[in-house]
N, C-alpha and C. Protein backbone atom coordinates (compact mmCIF):
# COMPACT_ATOMS: atom_id res chain seq x y z
N MET A 1 7.87 6.55 -8.55
CA MET A 1 7.35 5.90 -7.49
C MET A 1 7.94 4.82 -7.27
N ASN A 2 8.83 4.39 -6.12
CA ASN A 2 9.51 3.12 -5.78
C ASN A 2 8.87 2.55 -4.70
N GLN A 3 9.34 1.62 -4.18
CA GLN A 3 8.86 0.73 -3.09
C GLN A 3 8.79 1.34 -1.86
N ARG A 4 10.05 1.93 -1.40
CA ARG A 4 10.10 2.60 -0.44
C ARG A 4 9.13 3.83 -0.11
N GLU A 5 8.61 4.55 -1.17
CA GLU A 5 7.81 5.53 -1.09
C GLU A 5 6.48 5.42 -1.25
N VAL A 6 6.12 4.05 -1.72
CA VAL A 6 4.61 3.64 -1.60
C VAL A 6 4.52 2.98 0.33
N GLU A 7 5.28 2.46 0.34
CA GLU A 7 5.60 1.85 2.02
C GLU A 7 5.26 3.36 2.97
N ASP A 8 6.03 4.15 2.56
CA ASP A 8 5.94 4.98 3.43
C ASP A 8 4.55 5.87 3.25
N LEU A 9 4.27 5.81 2.29
CA LEU A 9 2.54 6.47 2.04
C LEU A 9 1.33 5.82 2.61
N ILE A 10 2.10 4.41 2.80
CA ILE A 10 0.86 3.17 3.35
C ILE A 10 1.00 3.52 4.89
N ILE A 11 2.24 3.52 5.43
CA ILE A 11 2.88 3.97 6.60
C ILE A 11 2.17 5.02 7.17
N ASP A 12 2.32 5.96 6.66
CA ASP A 12 1.89 7.35 6.97
C ASP A 12 0.44 7.52 7.21
N LEU A 13 -0.29 6.95 6.43
CA LEU A 13 -1.64 6.73 6.27
C LEU A 13 -2.46 6.05 7.56
N LEU A 14 -1.49 4.91 7.87
CA LEU A 14 -1.80 3.97 8.86
C LEU A 14 -1.64 4.80 10.46
N ALA A 15 -0.54 5.60 10.29
CA ALA A 15 -0.18 6.42 11.46
C ALA A 15 -1.25 7.31 11.74
N GLN A 16 -1.76 8.17 10.34
CA GLN A 16 -2.45 9.14 10.87
C GLN A 16 -3.85 8.41 11.57
N ASP A 17 -4.47 7.51 11.09
CA ASP A 17 -5.65 6.83 11.67
C ASP A 17 -5.28 6.21 13.13
N ALA A 18 -3.94 6.01 13.08
CA ALA A 18 -3.61 5.33 14.73
C ALA A 18 -3.42 6.88 15.52
N GLY A 19 -3.28 7.89 15.13
CA GLY A 19 -2.92 9.14 16.08
C GLY A 19 -1.42 9.16 16.40
N ARG A 20 -0.54 8.53 15.51
CA ARG A 20 0.89 8.31 16.22
C ARG A 20 2.15 8.81 14.85
N PRO A 21 3.20 8.68 15.54
CA PRO A 21 3.94 9.11 14.50
C PRO A 21 4.42 7.92 13.46
N PRO A 22 4.51 8.43 12.35
CA PRO A 22 4.57 7.02 11.03
C PRO A 22 6.45 6.84 11.30
N ALA A 23 7.23 7.42 12.24
CA ALA A 23 8.21 6.54 12.40
C ALA A 23 8.22 5.11 13.14
N ASP A 24 7.47 5.71 14.63
CA ASP A 24 6.87 4.45 15.49
C ASP A 24 6.19 3.75 14.85
N VAL A 25 5.15 3.84 13.73
CA VAL A 25 4.68 2.75 13.01
C VAL A 25 5.38 1.86 12.61
N ARG A 26 6.33 2.55 11.81
CA ARG A 26 7.48 1.52 11.28
C ARG A 26 8.23 0.81 11.72
N ARG A 27 8.70 1.34 13.04
CA ARG A 27 9.65 0.45 13.86
C ARG A 27 8.74 -0.78 14.19
N GLU A 28 7.43 -0.29 14.69
CA GLU A 28 6.92 -1.60 15.26
C GLU A 28 6.63 -2.47 14.25
N LEU A 29 6.10 -2.60 12.92
CA LEU A 29 6.12 -3.33 11.69
C LEU A 29 7.42 -3.82 11.32
N GLU A 30 8.45 -3.17 11.73
CA GLU A 30 9.62 -3.88 11.37
C GLU A 30 9.95 -4.75 12.32
N ASP A 31 9.71 -4.74 13.45
CA ASP A 31 9.93 -5.76 14.80
C ASP A 31 9.04 -7.03 14.54
N LEU A 32 8.32 -6.84 13.64
CA LEU A 32 7.09 -8.04 13.33
C LEU A 32 7.83 -8.95 12.40
N GLY A 33 8.78 -8.21 11.15
CA GLY A 33 9.21 -9.13 10.13
C GLY A 33 9.45 -8.13 9.12
N ASP A 34 10.55 -8.70 7.86
CA ASP A 34 10.53 -7.89 6.88
C ASP A 34 9.74 -7.53 5.68
N SER A 35 8.43 -8.40 6.06
CA SER A 35 7.21 -7.91 5.30
C SER A 35 6.56 -6.86 5.83
N LEU A 36 6.92 -6.55 7.04
CA LEU A 36 6.06 -5.45 7.53
C LEU A 36 4.64 -5.59 7.71
N PRO A 37 4.35 -6.97 8.42
CA PRO A 37 3.10 -7.30 8.55
C PRO A 37 1.78 -6.57 9.20
N ILE A 38 0.82 -6.36 8.72
CA ILE A 38 -0.31 -5.57 9.38
C ILE A 38 -1.45 -6.60 9.13
N ASP A 39 -2.63 -6.09 9.86
CA ASP A 39 -3.83 -6.51 10.31
C ASP A 39 -4.47 -5.85 8.46
N SER A 40 -4.94 -7.05 7.92
CA SER A 40 -5.67 -6.98 6.77
C SER A 40 -6.88 -5.74 6.88
N LEU A 41 -7.28 -5.89 7.55
CA LEU A 41 -8.42 -4.76 7.91
C LEU A 41 -7.66 -3.56 8.13
N LEU A 42 -6.74 -3.20 8.40
CA LEU A 42 -6.01 -1.89 8.77
C LEU A 42 -5.67 -1.52 7.20
N ALA A 43 -5.00 -2.29 6.41
CA ALA A 43 -4.54 -2.15 5.11
C ALA A 43 -5.98 -1.45 4.36
N ALA A 44 -7.22 -2.33 4.49
CA ALA A 44 -8.35 -2.04 3.72
C ALA A 44 -8.68 -0.66 4.27
N GLU A 45 -8.49 0.02 5.48
CA GLU A 45 -9.06 1.43 5.88
C GLU A 45 -8.61 2.21 4.83
N VAL A 46 -6.95 2.04 4.31
CA VAL A 46 -6.74 3.22 3.39
C VAL A 46 -6.43 3.03 1.93
N ILE A 47 -7.12 2.02 1.62
CA ILE A 47 -7.25 1.79 0.13
C ILE A 47 -7.69 3.06 -0.33
N ALA A 48 -8.85 3.64 0.00
CA ALA A 48 -9.88 4.48 -0.68
C ALA A 48 -8.50 5.99 -1.09
N ARG A 49 -7.90 6.02 0.63
CA ARG A 49 -6.92 7.26 0.33
C ARG A 49 -5.79 6.58 -0.62
N ILE A 50 -5.36 5.90 -0.66
CA ILE A 50 -4.39 5.12 -1.67
C ILE A 50 -4.74 5.44 -2.75
N GLU A 51 -6.06 5.30 -3.23
CA GLU A 51 -6.28 5.12 -4.59
C GLU A 51 -6.40 6.60 -4.96
N GLU A 52 -6.99 7.54 -4.13
CA GLU A 52 -7.27 9.00 -4.26
C GLU A 52 -5.76 9.66 -4.62
N GLN A 53 -5.05 9.53 -3.98
CA GLN A 53 -3.71 9.70 -3.71
C GLN A 53 -2.92 9.54 -5.36
N LEU A 54 -2.82 8.39 -5.56
CA LEU A 54 -2.12 7.83 -6.61
C LEU A 54 -3.02 7.54 -8.15
N GLY A 55 -4.22 8.15 -8.07
CA GLY A 55 -4.99 7.96 -9.25
C GLY A 55 -5.26 6.17 -9.57
N ILE A 56 -5.14 5.39 -8.85
CA ILE A 56 -5.48 4.13 -9.36
C ILE A 56 -6.52 3.29 -8.54
N ARG A 57 -6.99 2.22 -8.84
CA ARG A 57 -8.21 1.38 -8.65
C ARG A 57 -7.82 0.04 -8.18
N TYR A 58 -7.51 -0.18 -6.77
CA TYR A 58 -7.42 -1.08 -6.21
C TYR A 58 -8.56 -2.13 -6.33
N PRO A 59 -8.33 -3.23 -7.06
CA PRO A 59 -9.36 -4.28 -7.38
C PRO A 59 -10.07 -5.11 -6.04
N ALA A 60 -11.06 -5.32 -6.02
CA ALA A 60 -11.76 -6.02 -4.73
C ALA A 60 -11.96 -7.49 -5.18
N THR A 61 -10.95 -8.16 -5.10
CA THR A 61 -10.59 -9.25 -5.51
C THR A 61 -10.02 -10.52 -4.33
N ALA A 62 -10.14 -11.78 -4.59
CA ALA A 62 -9.44 -12.43 -3.70
C ALA A 62 -8.13 -12.41 -3.36
N GLU A 63 -7.53 -12.12 -4.99
CA GLU A 63 -6.00 -12.02 -5.25
C GLU A 63 -5.49 -11.19 -4.71
N SER A 64 -6.11 -10.23 -5.05
CA SER A 64 -5.75 -8.54 -4.29
C SER A 64 -5.92 -8.42 -2.91
N ALA A 65 -6.75 -8.96 -2.71
CA ALA A 65 -6.85 -9.00 -0.58
C ALA A 65 -5.87 -9.93 -0.38
N LYS A 66 -5.05 -10.83 -0.78
CA LYS A 66 -4.08 -11.70 -0.28
C LYS A 66 -2.87 -10.90 0.26
N HIS A 67 -2.23 -9.60 -0.78
CA HIS A 67 -1.31 -8.44 -1.02
C HIS A 67 -1.55 -7.45 0.56
N LEU A 68 -3.03 -7.90 1.24
CA LEU A 68 -3.15 -6.49 2.53
C LEU A 68 -2.66 -7.05 3.73
N GLY A 69 -1.89 -8.30 3.85
CA GLY A 69 -1.38 -8.84 4.93
C GLY A 69 -0.13 -8.25 5.41
N SER A 70 0.52 -7.35 4.65
CA SER A 70 1.76 -6.51 4.71
C SER A 70 2.24 -5.31 3.51
N VAL A 71 2.62 -4.71 4.85
CA VAL A 71 3.08 -3.40 3.83
C VAL A 71 3.72 -3.78 2.39
N THR A 72 4.95 -4.76 2.72
CA THR A 72 5.71 -4.69 1.37
C THR A 72 4.72 -5.27 0.26
N ALA A 73 3.95 -6.12 0.38
CA ALA A 73 3.10 -7.17 -0.41
C ALA A 73 2.20 -5.75 -1.08
N PHE A 74 1.90 -5.15 -0.18
CA PHE A 74 0.59 -4.05 -0.69
C PHE A 74 1.01 -2.82 -1.49
N ALA A 75 2.33 -2.19 -0.78
CA ALA A 75 3.08 -1.76 -1.63
C ALA A 75 3.68 -2.11 -3.27
N GLN A 76 4.04 -3.39 -3.33
CA GLN A 76 4.20 -4.11 -4.61
C GLN A 76 3.02 -4.22 -5.31
N ALA A 77 2.09 -4.57 -4.81
CA ALA A 77 0.85 -4.70 -5.61
C ALA A 77 0.28 -3.56 -6.15
N ILE A 78 0.43 -2.44 -5.19
CA ILE A 78 0.09 -0.92 -5.96
C ILE A 78 1.11 -0.51 -7.13
N LEU A 79 2.31 -0.90 -6.70
CA LEU A 79 3.33 -0.59 -7.78
C LEU A 79 3.12 -1.18 -9.17
N ASP A 80 2.40 -2.30 -9.12
CA ASP A 80 2.07 -3.23 -10.39
C ASP A 80 1.21 -2.55 -10.92
N LEU A 81 0.07 -2.14 -9.94
CA LEU A 81 -1.16 -1.42 -10.85
C LEU A 81 -0.52 -0.18 -11.38
N ILE A 82 0.37 0.76 -10.86
CA ILE A 82 0.47 1.81 -11.34
C ILE A 82 1.64 1.50 -12.67
N ALA A 83 2.16 0.52 -12.81
CA ALA A 83 3.06 0.09 -14.17
C ALA A 83 1.92 -0.55 -15.30
N ASP A 84 0.67 -1.27 -14.66
CA ASP A 84 -0.05 -1.54 -15.90
C ASP A 84 -0.80 -0.50 -16.09
N GLY A 85 -0.95 0.37 -15.80
CA GLY A 85 -1.78 1.63 -16.23
C GLY A 85 -1.06 2.28 -17.08
N GLN A 86 0.29 2.76 -16.56
CA GLN A 86 1.44 3.27 -17.23
C GLN A 86 1.12 2.64 -18.95
N ARG A 87 1.73 1.09 -18.65
CA ARG A 87 1.78 0.32 -19.98
C ARG A 87 0.48 0.50 -20.86
N SER A 88 -0.55 0.33 -20.19
CA SER A 88 -1.77 0.60 -21.00
C SER A 88 -2.09 1.92 -21.52
N ARG A 89 -1.74 3.05 -21.18
CA ARG A 89 -1.72 4.36 -21.60
C ARG A 89 -0.37 4.15 -22.59
N GLY A 90 0.68 3.72 -22.25
CA GLY A 90 1.39 3.64 -23.67
C GLY A 90 0.91 2.79 -24.93
N ALA A 91 0.18 2.05 -24.49
CA ALA A 91 -0.39 1.03 -25.66
C ALA A 91 -1.32 1.93 -26.51
N THR A 92 -2.38 2.98 -25.91
CA THR A 92 -3.27 3.68 -26.61
C THR A 92 -2.63 4.99 -27.15
N ALA A 93 -1.42 5.04 -27.01
CA ALA A 93 -1.13 6.49 -27.54
C ALA A 93 -0.40 6.44 -28.85
């Protein structure tokens, strides 16, 4: 999974919540800036579904909350969690 795929997943979930096409949501976010800024409460609403779909656990910490202000930062944090999980599994194999 790469950055764009995780961003697309986040945007798809946000679009579902808003009842809008994902392409429209992405365009609006791109108009706001390269980081695709979003309201952190919107991101928080999709965390459980992200966790379920990707088999990760997004930590409820002040540090992780900082990443919820933009789709790109949130996606990178998710990719980091996936990579950490893969490294952990590799270390125990």
